[in-house]
Structure formats: C-alpha cells, structure tokens
C-alpha cells in the first residue's frame, strides 16, 4: 500500500513540476494560422486591445521593440471586438489587421538584423481578432474594458505576470528584459 501511495505521490509531483496537464491556449490569428499564446520555450507578451485602446496598444507594442528578433521572444495582440460592427465584416477586419502587420514587419527589420537574425519579422507578428470574446475570457479578461491589460507568459507556458491596467510601460520592459536574461544564462 505504501508503495502505491509513494508511486502516486511521485507521479503527481512529477506531473505538476513538468507542466503535465497544462492547457495550451490556442487561437487562429488574422492570417488564418493557429497560434499557441502560451507556447513553451518562449517569453510571450500578450497585449489586450480594442477600439478605445488603439493608440495605447501601439505604444505598448513599440515599448518591446528592442526584444524583436530574439528567438526566445514573441509579442501578440488580442483585439477584443465583442459587440462591435467588426463582427459583421470579419474578412475585411482580418485582412486589414494582416496588412497592418505587413507594414509593422518592415519597421522591425533593423531589430532583427541587429541581433543577427536573418528571418522575416512578419512570421513572428501575431494579431488575433476576438470577435466573440471567448479568447479574452480564456485569458482572464471577462469583459471588454478600457484597462491597459498585458499578460506575460514564461518559457514554461505559465503566466509570469498579469497587469490589469499597466500605466508604466517601463515596468513591462524591465520584466521582459529580466526574463530574457534569465533564459539566456546557463
């Protein structure tokens, strides 16, 4: 009996420490590609956006520009479109988002080259149109809001930091920097 209890306990400890049973959060982006928002092996910043937060979203995205081109870093934007007219023109909305990312990719090329990364930045740029709010709910954002929300996932795919309404983007930058430095040290 003790052997069974010890074996069960050992399995549970191993399972919890190895991430067994951890749910991947997946969504289809504006390019029609299935993306894992909490992909293991990456430091991922998820920025919440909606019509009221467009300017702030640009600022938040620009604040993490220096990390682009690092193969351990990803930035994604989830655009909350619940209750908007965008849901009546989903195709147009997604094409527009995709065109905006094409432009953004050109702006990010110097960050990639500076890090010796020859890849096309466009492959790493992700925007997800959340027409029904289901993805936002999975991320803990129950209602549409003007709050400046950001999630940071660690390399283990777990939430490292959740900002409900971040005012100081330097806090985001220093947190991401610390995670990337910790990930690259032996």
C-alpha atoms as a PDB file:
ATOM      1  CA  UNK A   1       0.000   0.000   0.000  1.00  0.00           C
ATOM      2  CA  UNK A   2       2.838   2.394   0.872  1.00  0.00           C
ATOM      3  CA  UNK A   3       4.484   1.656  -2.468  1.00  0.00           C
ATOM      4  CA  UNK A   4       1.282   2.565  -4.321  1.00  0.00           C
ATOM      5  CA  UNK A   5       0.870   5.774  -2.298  1.00  0.00           C
ATOM      6  CA  UNK A   6       4.517   6.721  -2.869  1.00  0.00           C
ATOM      7  CA  UNK A   7       4.204   5.979  -6.595  1.00  0.00           C
ATOM      8  CA  UNK A   8       1.036   8.054  -6.879  1.00  0.00           C
ATOM      9  CA  UNK A   9       2.622  10.913  -4.933  1.00  0.00           C
ATOM     10  CA  UNK A  10       5.759  10.762  -7.100  1.00  0.00           C
ATOM     11  CA  UNK A  11       3.633  10.840 -10.272  1.00  0.00           C
ATOM     12  CA  UNK A  12       1.677  13.854  -9.039  1.00  0.00           C
ATOM     13  CA  UNK A  13       4.816  15.776  -8.065  1.00  0.00           C
ATOM     14  CA  UNK A  14       6.451  14.981 -11.422  1.00  0.00           C
ATOM     15  CA  UNK A  15       3.291  15.883 -13.319  1.00  0.00           C
ATOM     16  CA  UNK A  16       2.882  19.221 -11.596  1.00  0.00           C
ATOM     17  CA  UNK A  17       6.528  20.189 -11.915  1.00  0.00           C
ATOM     18  CA  UNK A  18       6.781  19.206 -15.580  1.00  0.00           C
ATOM     19  CA  UNK A  19       3.668  21.091 -16.651  1.00  0.00           C
ATOM     20  CA  UNK A  20       1.731  17.873 -17.365  1.00  0.00           C
ATOM     21  CA  UNK A  21      -1.899  18.709 -17.918  1.00  0.00           C
ATOM     22  CA  UNK A  22      -1.202  22.381 -18.600  1.00  0.00           C
ATOM     23  CA  UNK A  23      -3.606  23.695 -21.175  1.00  0.00           C
ATOM     24  CA  UNK A  24      -2.246  25.349 -24.273  1.00  0.00           C
ATOM     25  CA  UNK A  25      -4.173  28.462 -25.220  1.00  0.00           C
ATOM     26  CA  UNK A  26      -4.704  28.396 -28.968  1.00  0.00           C
ATOM     27  CA  UNK A  27      -6.375  30.753 -31.404  1.00  0.00           C
ATOM     28  CA  UNK A  28      -6.480  31.453 -35.126  1.00  0.00           C
ATOM     29  CA  UNK A  29      -4.701  34.702 -35.991  1.00  0.00           C
ATOM     30  CA  UNK A  30      -5.604  37.228 -38.682  1.00  0.00           C
ATOM     31  CA  UNK A  31      -3.546  35.224 -41.212  1.00  0.00           C
ATOM     32  CA  UNK A  32      -5.537  32.048 -40.566  1.00  0.00           C
ATOM     33  CA  UNK A  33      -2.671  30.399 -38.657  1.00  0.00           C
ATOM     34  CA  UNK A  34      -3.319  28.547 -35.412  1.00  0.00           C
ATOM     35  CA  UNK A  35      -1.128  30.105 -32.726  1.00  0.00           C
ATOM     36  CA  UNK A  36      -0.327  28.956 -29.216  1.00  0.00           C
ATOM     37  CA  UNK A  37      -0.400  32.001 -26.976  1.00  0.00           C
ATOM     38  CA  UNK A  38       1.487  30.329 -24.131  1.00  0.00           C
ATOM     39  CA  UNK A  39       3.959  28.365 -26.220  1.00  0.00           C
ATOM     40  CA  UNK A  40       6.594  26.642 -24.146  1.00  0.00           C
ATOM     41  CA  UNK A  41      10.143  27.788 -24.793  1.00  0.00           C
ATOM     42  CA  UNK A  42       9.157  31.409 -25.453  1.00  0.00           C
ATOM     43  CA  UNK A  43       8.738  34.557 -23.383  1.00  0.00           C
ATOM     44  CA  UNK A  44       5.436  35.873 -24.736  1.00  0.00           C
ATOM     45  CA  UNK A  45       3.822  39.262 -24.227  1.00  0.00           C
ATOM     46  CA  UNK A  46       0.080  39.375 -24.900  1.00  0.00           C
ATOM     47  CA  UNK A  47      -1.323  42.884 -25.301  1.00  0.00           C
ATOM     48  CA  UNK A  48      -5.061  43.440 -24.973  1.00  0.00           C
ATOM     49  CA  UNK A  49      -6.614  45.888 -27.406  1.00  0.00           C
ATOM     50  CA  UNK A  50      -9.932  47.246 -28.578  1.00  0.00           C
ATOM     51  CA  UNK A  51     -11.149  50.353 -30.421  1.00  0.00           C
ATOM     52  CA  UNK A  52     -10.710  52.572 -27.355  1.00  0.00           C
ATOM     53  CA  UNK A  53      -7.122  51.382 -26.777  1.00  0.00           C
ATOM     54  CA  UNK A  54      -5.627  51.603 -30.272  1.00  0.00           C
ATOM     55  CA  UNK A  55      -3.128  54.362 -29.509  1.00  0.00           C
ATOM     56  CA  UNK A  56      -2.073  52.758 -26.236  1.00  0.00           C
ATOM     57  CA  UNK A  57      -1.682  49.384 -27.989  1.00  0.00           C
ATOM     58  CA  UNK A  58       0.787  50.973 -30.416  1.00  0.00           C
ATOM     59  CA  UNK A  59       2.761  52.445 -27.506  1.00  0.00           C
ATOM     60  CA  UNK A  60       2.805  49.143 -25.631  1.00  0.00           C
ATOM     61  CA  UNK A  61       3.915  47.291 -28.756  1.00  0.00           C
ATOM     62  CA  UNK A  62       6.634  49.823 -29.516  1.00  0.00           C
ATOM     63  CA  UNK A  63       7.930  49.603 -25.944  1.00  0.00           C
ATOM     64  CA  UNK A  64       9.026  45.995 -26.532  1.00  0.00           C
ATOM     65  CA  UNK A  65      10.570  46.658 -29.970  1.00  0.00           C
ATOM     66  CA  UNK A  66      14.136  46.062 -28.716  1.00  0.00           C
ATOM     67  CA  UNK A  67      13.259  42.415 -27.967  1.00  0.00           C
ATOM     68  CA  UNK A  68      12.090  41.646 -31.503  1.00  0.00           C
ATOM     69  CA  UNK A  69      14.491  39.397 -33.326  1.00  0.00           C
ATOM     70  CA  UNK A  70      15.354  37.462 -30.162  1.00  0.00           C
ATOM     71  CA  UNK A  71      14.262  33.882 -30.926  1.00  0.00           C
ATOM     72  CA  UNK A  72      13.005  33.486 -27.335  1.00  0.00           C
ATOM     73  CA  UNK A  73      10.594  36.452 -27.571  1.00  0.00           C
ATOM     74  CA  UNK A  74       7.094  36.795 -29.015  1.00  0.00           C
ATOM     75  CA  UNK A  75       4.563  39.577 -28.883  1.00  0.00           C
ATOM     76  CA  UNK A  76       0.904  39.032 -29.690  1.00  0.00           C
ATOM     77  CA  UNK A  77      -2.058  41.385 -29.730  1.00  0.00           C
ATOM     78  CA  UNK A  78      -5.556  40.175 -28.918  1.00  0.00           C
ATOM     79  CA  UNK A  79      -8.127  42.605 -30.310  1.00  0.00           C
ATOM     80  CA  UNK A  80     -11.384  42.387 -28.376  1.00  0.00           C
ATOM     81  CA  UNK A  81     -14.164  43.013 -30.895  1.00  0.00           C
ATOM     82  CA  UNK A  82     -17.125  41.829 -28.814  1.00  0.00           C
ATOM     83  CA  UNK A  83     -20.267  43.763 -29.616  1.00  0.00           C
ATOM     84  CA  UNK A  84     -18.700  45.768 -32.443  1.00  0.00           C
ATOM     85  CA  UNK A  85     -19.643  46.096 -36.082  1.00  0.00           C
ATOM     86  CA  UNK A  86     -16.361  44.369 -36.990  1.00  0.00           C
ATOM     87  CA  UNK A  87     -18.090  41.025 -36.475  1.00  0.00           C
ATOM     88  CA  UNK A  88     -20.270  41.849 -39.489  1.00  0.00           C
ATOM     89  CA  UNK A  89     -17.166  42.220 -41.674  1.00  0.00           C
ATOM     90  CA  UNK A  90     -14.807  39.585 -40.290  1.00  0.00           C
ATOM     91  CA  UNK A  91     -12.920  39.038 -43.539  1.00  0.00           C
ATOM     92  CA  UNK A  92     -12.292  42.740 -44.053  1.00  0.00           C
ATOM     93  CA  UNK A  93     -11.222  43.166 -40.412  1.00  0.00           C
ATOM     94  CA  UNK A  94      -8.729  40.311 -40.597  1.00  0.00           C
ATOM     95  CA  UNK A  95      -7.294  41.464 -43.941  1.00  0.00           C
ATOM     96  CA  UNK A  96      -6.822  44.951 -42.515  1.00  0.00           C
ATOM     97  CA  UNK A  97      -5.046  43.561 -39.471  1.00  0.00           C
ATOM     98  CA  UNK A  98      -2.814  41.466 -41.719  1.00  0.00           C
ATOM     99  CA  UNK A  99      -1.902  44.481 -43.878  1.00  0.00           C
ATOM    100  CA  UNK A 100      -1.047  46.467 -40.748  1.00  0.00           C
ATOM    101  CA  UNK A 101       1.274  43.659 -39.621  1.00  0.00           C
ATOM    102  CA  UNK A 102       2.974  43.665 -43.039  1.00  0.00           C
ATOM    103  CA  UNK A 103       3.802  47.343 -42.515  1.00  0.00           C
ATOM    104  CA  UNK A 104       4.910  46.717 -38.948  1.00  0.00           C
ATOM    105  CA  UNK A 105       7.257  43.946 -40.085  1.00  0.00           C
ATOM    106  CA  UNK A 106       9.168  46.373 -42.289  1.00  0.00           C
ATOM    107  CA  UNK A 107       9.689  48.688 -39.326  1.00  0.00           C
ATOM    108  CA  UNK A 108      11.080  45.824 -37.210  1.00  0.00           C
ATOM    109  CA  UNK A 109      13.718  44.575 -39.670  1.00  0.00           C
ATOM    110  CA  UNK A 110      16.551  46.600 -38.035  1.00  0.00           C
ATOM    111  CA  UNK A 111      15.886  44.939 -34.666  1.00  0.00           C
ATOM    112  CA  UNK A 112      16.222  41.523 -36.278  1.00  0.00           C
ATOM    113  CA  UNK A 113      19.396  42.375 -38.169  1.00  0.00           C
ATOM    114  CA  UNK A 114      20.944  43.952 -35.066  1.00  0.00           C
ATOM    115  CA  UNK A 115      20.613  40.553 -33.363  1.00  0.00           C
ATOM    116  CA  UNK A 116      21.967  38.693 -36.387  1.00  0.00           C
ATOM    117  CA  UNK A 117      18.526  37.267 -37.116  1.00  0.00           C
ATOM    118  CA  UNK A 118      18.029  36.983 -40.905  1.00  0.00           C
ATOM    119  CA  UNK A 119      14.371  35.914 -40.635  1.00  0.00           C
ATOM    120  CA  UNK A 120      11.393  37.907 -41.836  1.00  0.00           C
ATOM    121  CA  UNK A 121       9.822  39.660 -38.813  1.00  0.00           C
ATOM    122  CA  UNK A 122       6.373  39.158 -40.324  1.00  0.00           C
ATOM    123  CA  UNK A 123       6.457  35.462 -39.410  1.00  0.00           C
ATOM    124  CA  UNK A 124       6.639  36.407 -35.731  1.00  0.00           C
ATOM    125  CA  UNK A 125       3.943  39.093 -35.722  1.00  0.00           C
ATOM    126  CA  UNK A 126       0.597  37.934 -34.403  1.00  0.00           C
ATOM    127  CA  UNK A 127      -2.729  39.724 -34.136  1.00  0.00           C
ATOM    128  CA  UNK A 128      -5.887  37.867 -33.201  1.00  0.00           C
ATOM    129  CA  UNK A 129      -9.367  39.219 -33.787  1.00  0.00           C
ATOM    130  CA  UNK A 130     -11.515  38.047 -30.870  1.00  0.00           C
ATOM    131  CA  UNK A 131     -14.980  38.559 -32.307  1.00  0.00           C
ATOM    132  CA  UNK A 132     -16.933  36.667 -29.646  1.00  0.00           C
ATOM    133  CA  UNK A 133     -14.784  37.303 -26.557  1.00  0.00           C
ATOM    134  CA  UNK A 134     -14.029  33.631 -25.960  1.00  0.00           C
ATOM    135  CA  UNK A 135     -10.266  34.048 -26.200  1.00  0.00           C
ATOM    136  CA  UNK A 136     -10.356  37.116 -23.960  1.00  0.00           C
ATOM    137  CA  UNK A 137     -12.265  35.094 -21.371  1.00  0.00           C
ATOM    138  CA  UNK A 138      -9.643  32.311 -21.556  1.00  0.00           C
ATOM    139  CA  UNK A 139      -7.031  34.942 -20.779  1.00  0.00           C
ATOM    140  CA  UNK A 140      -8.989  36.153 -17.739  1.00  0.00           C
ATOM    141  CA  UNK A 141     -10.497  39.211 -19.413  1.00  0.00           C
ATOM    142  CA  UNK A 142     -14.184  38.612 -18.782  1.00  0.00           C
ATOM    143  CA  UNK A 143     -15.498  41.908 -20.143  1.00  0.00           C
ATOM    144  CA  UNK A 144     -14.389  44.397 -22.741  1.00  0.00           C
ATOM    145  CA  UNK A 145     -12.587  47.216 -20.983  1.00  0.00           C
ATOM    146  CA  UNK A 146     -10.505  50.342 -21.362  1.00  0.00           C
ATOM    147  CA  UNK A 147      -7.984  48.837 -18.927  1.00  0.00           C
ATOM    148  CA  UNK A 148      -4.467  48.574 -20.332  1.00  0.00           C
ATOM    149  CA  UNK A 149      -4.101  44.827 -19.951  1.00  0.00           C
ATOM    150  CA  UNK A 150      -0.964  42.796 -20.577  1.00  0.00           C
ATOM    151  CA  UNK A 151      -0.076  39.173 -19.892  1.00  0.00           C
ATOM    152  CA  UNK A 152       3.439  37.801 -19.768  1.00  0.00           C
ATOM    153  CA  UNK A 153       3.932  34.077 -20.276  1.00  0.00           C
ATOM    154  CA  UNK A 154       7.188  32.447 -19.272  1.00  0.00           C
ATOM    155  CA  UNK A 155       9.118  29.763 -21.117  1.00  0.00           C
ATOM    156  CA  UNK A 156       7.170  27.140 -19.171  1.00  0.00           C
ATOM    157  CA  UNK A 157       3.918  28.402 -20.721  1.00  0.00           C
ATOM    158  CA  UNK A 158       2.608  29.731 -17.411  1.00  0.00           C
ATOM    159  CA  UNK A 159       1.583  33.282 -16.592  1.00  0.00           C
ATOM    160  CA  UNK A 160       4.512  35.135 -15.053  1.00  0.00           C
ATOM    161  CA  UNK A 161       2.823  38.492 -14.700  1.00  0.00           C
ATOM    162  CA  UNK A 162      -0.664  39.842 -15.272  1.00  0.00           C
ATOM    163  CA  UNK A 163      -1.114  43.589 -15.488  1.00  0.00           C
ATOM    164  CA  UNK A 164      -4.714  44.643 -15.049  1.00  0.00           C
ATOM    165  CA  UNK A 165      -4.054  48.223 -16.081  1.00  0.00           C
ATOM    166  CA  UNK A 166      -0.384  48.967 -16.654  1.00  0.00           C
ATOM    167  CA  UNK A 167       0.455  52.658 -16.695  1.00  0.00           C
ATOM    168  CA  UNK A 168       4.251  52.484 -16.708  1.00  0.00           C
ATOM    169  CA  UNK A 169       5.429  50.548 -19.764  1.00  0.00           C
ATOM    170  CA  UNK A 170       8.967  50.617 -18.350  1.00  0.00           C
ATOM    171  CA  UNK A 171       7.753  48.017 -15.871  1.00  0.00           C
ATOM    172  CA  UNK A 172       6.813  45.748 -18.792  1.00  0.00           C
ATOM    173  CA  UNK A 173      10.165  46.340 -20.494  1.00  0.00           C
ATOM    174  CA  UNK A 174      12.250  45.612 -17.387  1.00  0.00           C
ATOM    175  CA  UNK A 175      10.221  42.485 -16.594  1.00  0.00           C
ATOM    176  CA  UNK A 176      10.639  41.107 -20.130  1.00  0.00           C
ATOM    177  CA  UNK A 177      14.344  42.007 -20.102  1.00  0.00           C
ATOM    178  CA  UNK A 178      14.863  40.162 -16.811  1.00  0.00           C
ATOM    179  CA  UNK A 179      13.080  37.071 -18.144  1.00  0.00           C
ATOM    180  CA  UNK A 180      15.104  37.028 -21.354  1.00  0.00           C
ATOM    181  CA  UNK A 181      18.362  37.481 -19.445  1.00  0.00           C
ATOM    182  CA  UNK A 182      17.440  34.669 -17.065  1.00  0.00           C
ATOM    183  CA  UNK A 183      16.549  32.453 -20.033  1.00  0.00           C
ATOM    184  CA  UNK A 184      19.834  33.022 -21.804  1.00  0.00           C
ATOM    185  CA  UNK A 185      22.090  32.466 -18.796  1.00  0.00           C
ATOM    186  CA  UNK A 186      23.372  28.899 -18.218  1.00  0.00           C
END
